[in-house]
Amino acid sequence: DVEKNGDLPFDKVFAYSSNICSAKIALKEDKEIFYKYLWAFGFG
C-alpha cells in the first residue's frame, strides 16, 4: 500500500485505497462470489 495503515474500518479501506485489505476482502468472498459480481458488472 502507499500508506502504512494498521486497522481500518471497511469504508476507509476504500477511502484510503488499501490494496492489502481489498485483497483480504476478495479472498474472504472467494472466487465464486467475486466472479459472480465481476460478470454481473459486465467485465470480460
All heavy atoms as atom14 arrays in JSON, in Angstrom:
{
  "sequence": "DVEKNGDLPFDKVFAYSSNICSAKIALKEDKEIFYKYLWAFGFG",
  "atom14_mask": [
    [1, 1, 1, 1, 1, 1, 1, 1, 0, 0, 0, 0, 0, 0],
    [1, 1, 1, 1, 1, 1, 1, 0, 0, 0, 0, 0, 0, 0],
    [1, 1, 1, 1, 1, 1, 1, 1, 1, 0, 0, 0, 0, 0],
    [1, 1, 1, 1, 1, 1, 1, 1, 1, 0, 0, 0, 0, 0],
    [1, 1, 1, 1, 1, 1, 1, 1, 0, 0, 0, 0, 0, 0],
    [1, 1, 1, 1, 0, 0, 0, 0, 0, 0, 0, 0, 0, 0],
    [1, 1, 1, 1, 1, 1, 1, 1, 0, 0, 0, 0, 0, 0],
    [1, 1, 1, 1, 1, 1, 1, 1, 0, 0, 0, 0, 0, 0],
    [1, 1, 1, 1, 1, 1, 1, 0, 0, 0, 0, 0, 0, 0],
    [1, 1, 1, 1, 1, 1, 1, 1, 1, 1, 1, 0, 0, 0],
    [1, 1, 1, 1, 1, 1, 1, 1, 0, 0, 0, 0, 0, 0],
    [1, 1, 1, 1, 1, 1, 1, 1, 1, 0, 0, 0, 0, 0],
    [1, 1, 1, 1, 1, 1, 1, 0, 0, 0, 0, 0, 0, 0],
    [1, 1, 1, 1, 1, 1, 1, 1, 1, 1, 1, 0, 0, 0],
    [1, 1, 1, 1, 1, 0, 0, 0, 0, 0, 0, 0, 0, 0],
    [1, 1, 1, 1, 1, 1, 1, 1, 1, 1, 1, 1, 0, 0],
    [1, 1, 1, 1, 1, 1, 0, 0, 0, 0, 0, 0, 0, 0],
    [1, 1, 1, 1, 1, 1, 0, 0, 0, 0, 0, 0, 0, 0],
    [1, 1, 1, 1, 1, 1, 1, 1, 0, 0, 0, 0, 0, 0],
    [1, 1, 1, 1, 1, 1, 1, 1, 0, 0, 0, 0, 0, 0],
    [1, 1, 1, 1, 1, 1, 0, 0, 0, 0, 0, 0, 0, 0],
    [1, 1, 1, 1, 1, 1, 0, 0, 0, 0, 0, 0, 0, 0],
    [1, 1, 1, 1, 1, 0, 0, 0, 0, 0, 0, 0, 0, 0],
    [1, 1, 1, 1, 1, 1, 1, 1, 1, 0, 0, 0, 0, 0],
    [1, 1, 1, 1, 1, 1, 1, 1, 0, 0, 0, 0, 0, 0],
    [1, 1, 1, 1, 1, 0, 0, 0, 0, 0, 0, 0, 0, 0],
    [1, 1, 1, 1, 1, 1, 1, 1, 0, 0, 0, 0, 0, 0],
    [1, 1, 1, 1, 1, 1, 1, 1, 1, 0, 0, 0, 0, 0],
    [1, 1, 1, 1, 1, 1, 1, 1, 1, 0, 0, 0, 0, 0],
    [1, 1, 1, 1, 1, 1, 1, 1, 0, 0, 0, 0, 0, 0],
    [1, 1, 1, 1, 1, 1, 1, 1, 1, 0, 0, 0, 0, 0],
    [1, 1, 1, 1, 1, 1, 1, 1, 1, 0, 0, 0, 0, 0],
    [1, 1, 1, 1, 1, 1, 1, 1, 0, 0, 0, 0, 0, 0],
    [1, 1, 1, 1, 1, 1, 1, 1, 1, 1, 1, 0, 0, 0],
    [1, 1, 1, 1, 1, 1, 1, 1, 1, 1, 1, 1, 0, 0],
    [1, 1, 1, 1, 1, 1, 1, 1, 1, 0, 0, 0, 0, 0],
    [1, 1, 1, 1, 1, 1, 1, 1, 1, 1, 1, 1, 0, 0],
    [1, 1, 1, 1, 1, 1, 1, 1, 0, 0, 0, 0, 0, 0],
    [1, 1, 1, 1, 1, 1, 1, 1, 1, 1, 1, 1, 1, 1],
    [1, 1, 1, 1, 1, 0, 0, 0, 0, 0, 0, 0, 0, 0],
    [1, 1, 1, 1, 1, 1, 1, 1, 1, 1, 1, 0, 0, 0],
    [1, 1, 1, 1, 0, 0, 0, 0, 0, 0, 0, 0, 0, 0],
    [1, 1, 1, 1, 1, 1, 1, 1, 1, 1, 1, 0, 0, 0],
    [1, 1, 1, 1, 0, 0, 0, 0, 0, 0, 0, 0, 0, 0]
  ],
  "atom14_positions": [
    [[0.85, -1.19, 0.0], [0.0, 0.0, 0.0], [0.88, 1.24, 0.0], [2.03, 1.19, 0.47], [-0.89, 0.04, 1.25], [-2.07, -0.91, 1.15], [-2.39, -1.34, 0.03], [-2.67, -1.22, 2.2], [0.0, 0.0, 0.0], [0.0, 0.0, 0.0], [0.0, 0.0, 0.0], [0.0, 0.0, 0.0], [0.0, 0.0, 0.0], [0.0, 0.0, 0.0]],
    [[0.35, 2.35, -0.49], [1.07, 3.62, -0.44], [1.19, 4.08, 1.01], [2.26, 4.49, 1.47], [0.36, 4.68, -1.3], [1.05, 6.04, -1.13], [0.35, 4.27, -2.77], [0.0, 0.0, 0.0], [0.0, 0.0, 0.0], [0.0, 0.0, 0.0], [0.0, 0.0, 0.0], [0.0, 0.0, 0.0], [0.0, 0.0, 0.0], [0.0, 0.0, 0.0]],
    [[0.09, 3.97, 1.75], [0.07, 4.37, 3.16], [0.3, 3.15, 4.05], [-0.17, 2.05, 3.75], [-1.27, 5.02, 3.51], [-1.61, 6.24, 2.67], [-0.69, 7.42, 2.95], [-0.11, 7.47, 4.07], [-0.53, 8.27, 2.06], [0.0, 0.0, 0.0], [0.0, 0.0, 0.0], [0.0, 0.0, 0.0], [0.0, 0.0, 0.0], [0.0, 0.0, 0.0]],
    [[0.99, 3.37, 5.17], [1.28, 2.28, 6.1], [0.19, 2.2, 7.17], [0.4, 2.53, 8.34], [2.65, 2.48, 6.74], [3.79, 2.44, 5.73], [5.14, 2.68, 6.39], [6.27, 2.64, 5.37], [7.6, 2.89, 5.98], [0.0, 0.0, 0.0], [0.0, 0.0, 0.0], [0.0, 0.0, 0.0], [0.0, 0.0, 0.0], [0.0, 0.0, 0.0]],
    [[-0.99, 1.77, 6.74], [-2.13, 1.71, 7.65], [-2.14, 0.42, 8.45], [-1.73, -0.64, 7.97], [-3.44, 1.82, 6.85], [-3.61, 3.18, 6.22], [-3.54, 4.19, 6.91], [-3.82, 3.21, 4.9], [0.0, 0.0, 0.0], [0.0, 0.0, 0.0], [0.0, 0.0, 0.0], [0.0, 0.0, 0.0], [0.0, 0.0, 0.0], [0.0, 0.0, 0.0]],
    [[-2.66, 0.53, 9.66], [-2.88, -0.64, 10.51], [-4.32, -1.09, 10.37], [-4.73, -1.56, 9.31], [0.0, 0.0, 0.0], [0.0, 0.0, 0.0], [0.0, 0.0, 0.0], [0.0, 0.0, 0.0], [0.0, 0.0, 0.0], [0.0, 0.0, 0.0], [0.0, 0.0, 0.0], [0.0, 0.0, 0.0], [0.0, 0.0, 0.0], [0.0, 0.0, 0.0]],
    [[-5.13, -0.91, 11.42], [-6.55, -1.26, 11.36], [-7.33, -0.15, 10.65], [-7.14, 1.04, 10.93], [-7.13, -1.44, 12.77], [-6.59, -2.7, 13.44], [-6.26, -3.67, 12.72], [-6.5, -2.71, 14.68], [0.0, 0.0, 0.0], [0.0, 0.0, 0.0], [0.0, 0.0, 0.0], [0.0, 0.0, 0.0], [0.0, 0.0, 0.0], [0.0, 0.0, 0.0]],
    [[-8.22, -0.55, 9.74], [-9.08, 0.4, 9.05], [-10.52, -0.13, 9.01], [-10.74, -1.32, 8.75], [-8.62, 0.63, 7.61], [-7.41, 1.55, 7.36], [-7.13, 1.63, 5.87], [-7.65, 2.94, 7.92], [0.0, 0.0, 0.0], [0.0, 0.0, 0.0], [0.0, 0.0, 0.0], [0.0, 0.0, 0.0], [0.0, 0.0, 0.0], [0.0, 0.0, 0.0]],
    [[-11.51, 0.74, 9.25], [-12.9, 0.34, 9.04], [-13.13, 0.01, 7.57], [-12.4, 0.49, 6.7], [-13.7, 1.58, 9.45], [-12.77, 2.4, 10.26], [-11.39, 2.12, 9.75], [0.0, 0.0, 0.0], [0.0, 0.0, 0.0], [0.0, 0.0, 0.0], [0.0, 0.0, 0.0], [0.0, 0.0, 0.0], [0.0, 0.0, 0.0], [0.0, 0.0, 0.0]],
    [[-14.14, -0.77, 7.3], [-14.44, -1.23, 5.94], [-14.49, -0.06, 4.96], [-13.88, -0.12, 3.88], [-15.77, -1.99, 5.93], [-16.14, -2.58, 4.6], [-15.75, -3.86, 4.25], [-16.87, -1.85, 3.66], [-16.1, -4.42, 3.02], [-17.22, -2.39, 2.43], [-16.83, -3.68, 2.12], [0.0, 0.0, 0.0], [0.0, 0.0, 0.0], [0.0, 0.0, 0.0]],
    [[-15.22, 1.01, 5.31], [-15.36, 2.11, 4.35], [-14.04, 2.82, 4.08], [-13.76, 3.23, 2.95], [-16.43, 3.08, 4.81], [-16.2, 3.65, 6.19], [-15.21, 3.24, 6.85], [-17.0, 4.51, 6.62], [0.0, 0.0, 0.0], [0.0, 0.0, 0.0], [0.0, 0.0, 0.0], [0.0, 0.0, 0.0], [0.0, 0.0, 0.0], [0.0, 0.0, 0.0]],
    [[-13.2, 2.93, 5.11], [-11.93, 3.64, 4.92], [-10.89, 2.78, 4.21], [-9.89, 3.31, 3.71], [-11.42, 4.15, 6.26], [-12.28, 5.26, 6.83], [-11.66, 5.94, 8.03], [-12.55, 7.11, 8.49], [-11.98, 7.82, 9.65], [0.0, 0.0, 0.0], [0.0, 0.0, 0.0], [0.0, 0.0, 0.0], [0.0, 0.0, 0.0], [0.0, 0.0, 0.0]],
    [[-11.12, 1.47, 4.16], [-10.26, 0.61, 3.32], [-10.29, 1.14, 1.89], [-9.26, 1.2, 1.21], [-10.75, -0.86, 3.36], [-10.13, -1.67, 2.22], [-10.42, -1.49, 4.7], [0.0, 0.0, 0.0], [0.0, 0.0, 0.0], [0.0, 0.0, 0.0], [0.0, 0.0, 0.0], [0.0, 0.0, 0.0], [0.0, 0.0, 0.0], [0.0, 0.0, 0.0]],
    [[-11.47, 1.56, 1.44], [-11.63, 2.05, 0.06], [-11.38, 3.56, -0.03], [-10.85, 4.04, -1.03], [-13.01, 1.68, -0.45], [-13.24, 0.2, -0.49], [-13.96, -0.44, 0.51], [-12.67, -0.57, -1.49], [-14.15, -1.81, 0.48], [-12.85, -1.96, -1.52], [-13.59, -2.57, -0.53], [0.0, 0.0, 0.0], [0.0, 0.0, 0.0], [0.0, 0.0, 0.0]],
    [[-11.73, 4.28, 1.05], [-11.47, 5.72, 1.04], [-9.98, 6.0, 0.94], [-9.55, 6.91, 0.23], [-12.05, 6.37, 2.3], [0.0, 0.0, 0.0], [0.0, 0.0, 0.0], [0.0, 0.0, 0.0], [0.0, 0.0, 0.0], [0.0, 0.0, 0.0], [0.0, 0.0, 0.0], [0.0, 0.0, 0.0], [0.0, 0.0, 0.0], [0.0, 0.0, 0.0]],
    [[-9.17, 5.2, 1.65], [-7.71, 5.36, 1.63], [-7.04, 4.41, 0.63], [-5.82, 4.37, 0.52], [-7.13, 5.14, 3.03], [-7.66, 6.09, 4.08], [-7.59, 5.77, 5.42], [-8.23, 7.32, 3.73], [-8.08, 6.65, 6.4], [-8.72, 8.19, 4.68], [-8.65, 7.85, 6.03], [-9.13, 8.71, 6.98], [0.0, 0.0, 0.0], [0.0, 0.0, 0.0]],
    [[-7.88, 3.63, -0.06], [-7.46, 2.76, -1.16], [-6.38, 1.75, -0.76], [-5.3, 1.68, -1.37], [-6.97, 3.6, -2.35], [-7.15, 2.9, -3.56], [0.0, 0.0, 0.0], [0.0, 0.0, 0.0], [0.0, 0.0, 0.0], [0.0, 0.0, 0.0], [0.0, 0.0, 0.0], [0.0, 0.0, 0.0], [0.0, 0.0, 0.0], [0.0, 0.0, 0.0]],
    [[-6.68, 0.93, 0.23], [-5.76, -0.13, 0.65], [-5.87, -1.34, -0.27], [-6.92, -1.99, -0.33], [-6.05, -0.54, 2.09], [-5.33, -1.72, 2.41], [0.0, 0.0, 0.0], [0.0, 0.0, 0.0], [0.0, 0.0, 0.0], [0.0, 0.0, 0.0], [0.0, 0.0, 0.0], [0.0, 0.0, 0.0], [0.0, 0.0, 0.0], [0.0, 0.0, 0.0]],
    [[-4.8, -1.66, -0.96], [-4.77, -2.86, -1.79], [-4.78, -4.11, -0.94], [-5.41, -5.11, -1.28], [-3.52, -2.85, -2.67], [-3.55, -1.76, -3.72], [-4.6, -1.25, -4.09], [-2.38, -1.39, -4.21], [0.0, 0.0, 0.0], [0.0, 0.0, 0.0], [0.0, 0.0, 0.0], [0.0, 0.0, 0.0], [0.0, 0.0, 0.0], [0.0, 0.0, 0.0]],
    [[-4.08, -4.05, 0.17], [-3.95, -5.22, 1.04], [-5.31, -5.64, 1.58], [-5.7, -6.81, 1.48], [-2.97, -4.92, 2.2], [-1.54, -4.76, 1.66], [-3.01, -6.02, 3.25], [-0.56, -4.19, 2.65], [0.0, 0.0, 0.0], [0.0, 0.0, 0.0], [0.0, 0.0, 0.0], [0.0, 0.0, 0.0], [0.0, 0.0, 0.0], [0.0, 0.0, 0.0]],
    [[-6.05, -4.7, 2.14], [-7.35, -5.05, 2.71], [-8.39, -5.35, 1.64], [-9.3, -6.16, 1.85], [-7.83, -3.94, 3.63], [-6.93, -3.89, 5.19], [0.0, 0.0, 0.0], [0.0, 0.0, 0.0], [0.0, 0.0, 0.0], [0.0, 0.0, 0.0], [0.0, 0.0, 0.0], [0.0, 0.0, 0.0], [0.0, 0.0, 0.0], [0.0, 0.0, 0.0]],
    [[-8.27, -4.74, 0.46], [-9.16, -5.1, -0.66], [-8.93, -6.54, -1.05], [-9.88, -7.29, -1.33], [-8.9, -4.19, -1.86], [-9.22, -2.85, -1.57], [0.0, 0.0, 0.0], [0.0, 0.0, 0.0], [0.0, 0.0, 0.0], [0.0, 0.0, 0.0], [0.0, 0.0, 0.0], [0.0, 0.0, 0.0], [0.0, 0.0, 0.0], [0.0, 0.0, 0.0]],
    [[-7.66, -6.96, -1.08], [-7.33, -8.35, -1.39], [-7.92, -9.29, -0.34], [-8.48, -10.34, -0.68], [-5.82, -8.52, -1.46], [0.0, 0.0, 0.0], [0.0, 0.0, 0.0], [0.0, 0.0, 0.0], [0.0, 0.0, 0.0], [0.0, 0.0, 0.0], [0.0, 0.0, 0.0], [0.0, 0.0, 0.0], [0.0, 0.0, 0.0], [0.0, 0.0, 0.0]],
    [[-7.82, -8.9, 0.93], [-8.37, -9.74, 2.0], [-9.89, -9.88, 1.87], [-10.45, -10.95, 2.13], [-8.01, -9.14, 3.37], [-6.54, -9.3, 3.74], [-6.29, -8.77, 5.15], [-4.85, -9.04, 5.59], [-4.6, -8.6, 6.98], [0.0, 0.0, 0.0], [0.0, 0.0, 0.0], [0.0, 0.0, 0.0], [0.0, 0.0, 0.0], [0.0, 0.0, 0.0]],
    [[-10.54, -8.81, 1.48], [-12.0, -8.85, 1.3], [-12.37, -9.82, 0.19], [-13.27, -10.66, 0.34], [-12.53, -7.43, 1.01], [-12.44, -6.57, 2.26], [-13.97, -7.49, 0.49], [-12.7, -5.11, 2.02], [0.0, 0.0, 0.0], [0.0, 0.0, 0.0], [0.0, 0.0, 0.0], [0.0, 0.0, 0.0], [0.0, 0.0, 0.0], [0.0, 0.0, 0.0]],
    [[-11.69, -9.73, -0.95], [-11.99, -10.62, -2.07], [-11.7, -12.08, -1.72], [-12.45, -12.98, -2.11], [-11.18, -10.2, -3.3], [0.0, 0.0, 0.0], [0.0, 0.0, 0.0], [0.0, 0.0, 0.0], [0.0, 0.0, 0.0], [0.0, 0.0, 0.0], [0.0, 0.0, 0.0], [0.0, 0.0, 0.0], [0.0, 0.0, 0.0], [0.0, 0.0, 0.0]],
    [[-10.62, -12.32, -0.96], [-10.27, -13.7, -0.58], [-11.31, -14.29, 0.35], [-11.6, -15.49, 0.29], [-8.89, -13.72, 0.07], [-7.71, -13.47, -0.89], [-6.43, -13.17, -0.12], [-7.52, -14.67, -1.83], [0.0, 0.0, 0.0], [0.0, 0.0, 0.0], [0.0, 0.0, 0.0], [0.0, 0.0, 0.0], [0.0, 0.0, 0.0], [0.0, 0.0, 0.0]],
    [[-11.88, -13.45, 1.21], [-12.93, -13.96, 2.09], [-14.2, -14.28, 1.3], [-14.91, -15.24, 1.61], [-13.24, -12.95, 3.19], [-14.23, -13.5, 4.22], [-14.42, -12.57, 5.4], [-15.38, -13.19, 6.4], [-15.61, -12.31, 7.57], [0.0, 0.0, 0.0], [0.0, 0.0, 0.0], [0.0, 0.0, 0.0], [0.0, 0.0, 0.0], [0.0, 0.0, 0.0]],
    [[-14.49, -13.48, 0.3], [-15.64, -13.77, -0.57], [-15.45, -15.09, -1.31], [-16.4, -15.83, -1.55], [-15.8, -12.67, -1.63], [-16.23, -11.31, -1.13], [-16.31, -10.33, -2.29], [-17.13, -10.56, -3.19], [-15.54, -9.36, -2.31], [0.0, 0.0, 0.0], [0.0, 0.0, 0.0], [0.0, 0.0, 0.0], [0.0, 0.0, 0.0], [0.0, 0.0, 0.0]],
    [[-14.22, -15.34, -1.71], [-13.84, -16.47, -2.57], [-14.22, -16.13, -4.02], [-14.99, -15.23, -4.29], [-14.46, -17.79, -2.13], [-13.67, -18.99, -2.64], [-12.65, -18.79, -3.34], [-14.05, -20.13, -2.33], [0.0, 0.0, 0.0], [0.0, 0.0, 0.0], [0.0, 0.0, 0.0], [0.0, 0.0, 0.0], [0.0, 0.0, 0.0], [0.0, 0.0, 0.0]],
    [[-13.65, -16.88, -4.93], [-13.78, -16.53, -6.35], [-15.2, -16.68, -6.87], [-15.61, -15.99, -7.8], [-12.81, -17.36, -7.19], [-13.12, -18.85, -7.26], [-12.13, -19.55, -8.18], [-12.46, -21.04, -8.35], [-11.52, -21.72, -9.26], [0.0, 0.0, 0.0], [0.0, 0.0, 0.0], [0.0, 0.0, 0.0], [0.0, 0.0, 0.0], [0.0, 0.0, 0.0]],
    [[-15.98, -17.58, -6.26], [-17.34, -17.8, -6.75], [-18.18, -16.53, -6.64], [-18.85, -16.12, -7.6], [-18.01, -18.93, -5.97], [-19.41, -19.26, -6.47], [-20.05, -20.41, -5.73], [-19.38, -21.03, -4.88], [-21.23, -20.7, -6.0], [0.0, 0.0, 0.0], [0.0, 0.0, 0.0], [0.0, 0.0, 0.0], [0.0, 0.0, 0.0], [0.0, 0.0, 0.0]],
    [[-18.14, -15.91, -5.47], [-18.91, -14.67, -5.27], [-18.29, -13.53, -6.07], [-19.0, -12.76, -6.74], [-18.97, -14.32, -3.77], [-19.82, -15.35, -3.03], [-19.53, -12.92, -3.57], [-19.82, -15.17, -1.52], [0.0, 0.0, 0.0], [0.0, 0.0, 0.0], [0.0, 0.0, 0.0], [0.0, 0.0, 0.0], [0.0, 0.0, 0.0], [0.0, 0.0, 0.0]],
    [[-16.97, -13.41, -6.01], [-16.31, -12.29, -6.69], [-16.58, -12.32, -8.18], [-16.92, -11.3, -8.79], [-14.8, -12.33, -6.43], [-14.07, -11.1, -6.89], [-14.0, -9.98, -6.09], [-13.47, -11.06, -8.15], [-13.33, -8.83, -6.51], [-12.8, -9.92, -8.58], [-12.74, -8.81, -7.75], [0.0, 0.0, 0.0], [0.0, 0.0, 0.0], [0.0, 0.0, 0.0]],
    [[-16.46, -13.5, -8.8], [-16.68, -13.61, -10.24], [-18.15, -13.42, -10.6], [-18.47, -12.91, -11.69], [-16.18, -14.95, -10.77], [-14.79, -14.86, -11.35], [-13.69, -14.61, -10.54], [-14.56, -15.0, -12.71], [-12.42, -14.53, -11.07], [-13.29, -14.92, -13.26], [-12.22, -14.68, -12.43], [-10.96, -14.58, -12.95], [0.0, 0.0, 0.0], [0.0, 0.0, 0.0]],
    [[-19.04, -13.82, -9.72], [-20.47, -13.61, -9.97], [-20.74, -12.13, -10.19], [-21.45, -11.75, -11.14], [-21.29, -14.12, -8.78], [-22.77, -13.77, -8.85], [-23.49, -14.13, -7.56], [-24.93, -13.61, -7.58], [-25.63, -13.9, -6.3], [0.0, 0.0, 0.0], [0.0, 0.0, 0.0], [0.0, 0.0, 0.0], [0.0, 0.0, 0.0], [0.0, 0.0, 0.0]],
    [[-20.16, -11.28, -9.36], [-20.38, -9.84, -9.48], [-19.51, -9.22, -10.57], [-19.93, -8.26, -11.23], [-20.16, -9.16, -8.13], [-21.3, -9.42, -7.18], [-21.28, -10.51, -6.31], [-22.42, -8.6, -7.16], [-22.34, -10.76, -5.45], [-23.48, -8.84, -6.31], [-23.44, -9.93, -5.46], [-24.5, -10.17, -4.61], [0.0, 0.0, 0.0], [0.0, 0.0, 0.0]],
    [[-18.32, -9.73, -10.76], [-17.47, -9.25, -11.85], [-18.2, -9.4, -13.18], [-18.24, -8.47, -13.99], [-16.16, -10.03, -11.85], [-15.11, -9.71, -12.93], [-13.71, -10.02, -12.4], [-15.33, -10.52, -14.21], [0.0, 0.0, 0.0], [0.0, 0.0, 0.0], [0.0, 0.0, 0.0], [0.0, 0.0, 0.0], [0.0, 0.0, 0.0], [0.0, 0.0, 0.0]],
    [[-18.8, -10.56, -13.39], [-19.55, -10.8, -14.62], [-20.83, -9.97, -14.64], [-21.23, -9.46, -15.69], [-19.87, -12.28, -14.77], [-18.68, -13.12, -15.11], [-17.63, -12.78, -15.9], [-18.41, -14.45, -14.66], [-16.72, -13.8, -15.98], [-17.18, -14.85, -15.23], [-19.08, -15.36, -13.84], [-16.61, -16.11, -15.01], [-18.52, -16.62, -13.62], [-17.29, -16.98, -14.2]],
    [[-21.49, -9.83, -13.48], [-22.73, -9.06, -13.41], [-22.5, -7.6, -13.79], [-23.33, -6.97, -14.45], [-23.34, -9.15, -12.02], [0.0, 0.0, 0.0], [0.0, 0.0, 0.0], [0.0, 0.0, 0.0], [0.0, 0.0, 0.0], [0.0, 0.0, 0.0], [0.0, 0.0, 0.0], [0.0, 0.0, 0.0], [0.0, 0.0, 0.0], [0.0, 0.0, 0.0]],
    [[-21.34, -7.06, -13.4], [-21.0, -5.69, -13.74], [-20.55, -5.54, -15.2], [-20.27, -4.43, -15.66], [-19.91, -5.15, -12.81], [-20.43, -4.55, -11.54], [-20.43, -5.28, -10.36], [-20.92, -3.26, -11.51], [-20.92, -4.73, -9.17], [-21.39, -2.69, -10.34], [-21.4, -3.43, -9.17], [0.0, 0.0, 0.0], [0.0, 0.0, 0.0], [0.0, 0.0, 0.0]],
    [[-20.45, -6.65, -15.92], [-20.21, -6.59, -17.35], [-18.77, -6.7, -17.78], [-18.46, -6.48, -18.96], [0.0, 0.0, 0.0], [0.0, 0.0, 0.0], [0.0, 0.0, 0.0], [0.0, 0.0, 0.0], [0.0, 0.0, 0.0], [0.0, 0.0, 0.0], [0.0, 0.0, 0.0], [0.0, 0.0, 0.0], [0.0, 0.0, 0.0], [0.0, 0.0, 0.0]],
    [[-17.87, -7.06, -16.87], [-16.46, -7.16, -17.27], [-16.21, -8.49, -17.99], [-16.86, -9.5, -17.73], [-15.56, -7.03, -16.05], [-15.56, -5.64, -15.48], [-16.3, -5.35, -14.33], [-14.88, -4.61, -16.11], [-16.34, -4.06, -13.82], [-14.91, -3.33, -15.6], [-15.65, -3.05, -14.46], [0.0, 0.0, 0.0], [0.0, 0.0, 0.0], [0.0, 0.0, 0.0]],
    [[-15.27, -8.43, -18.93], [-14.96, -9.62, -19.73], [-15.84, -9.79, -20.95], [-15.74, -10.79, -21.66], [0.0, 0.0, 0.0], [0.0, 0.0, 0.0], [0.0, 0.0, 0.0], [0.0, 0.0, 0.0], [0.0, 0.0, 0.0], [0.0, 0.0, 0.0], [0.0, 0.0, 0.0], [0.0, 0.0, 0.0], [0.0, 0.0, 0.0], [0.0, 0.0, 0.0]]
  ]
}
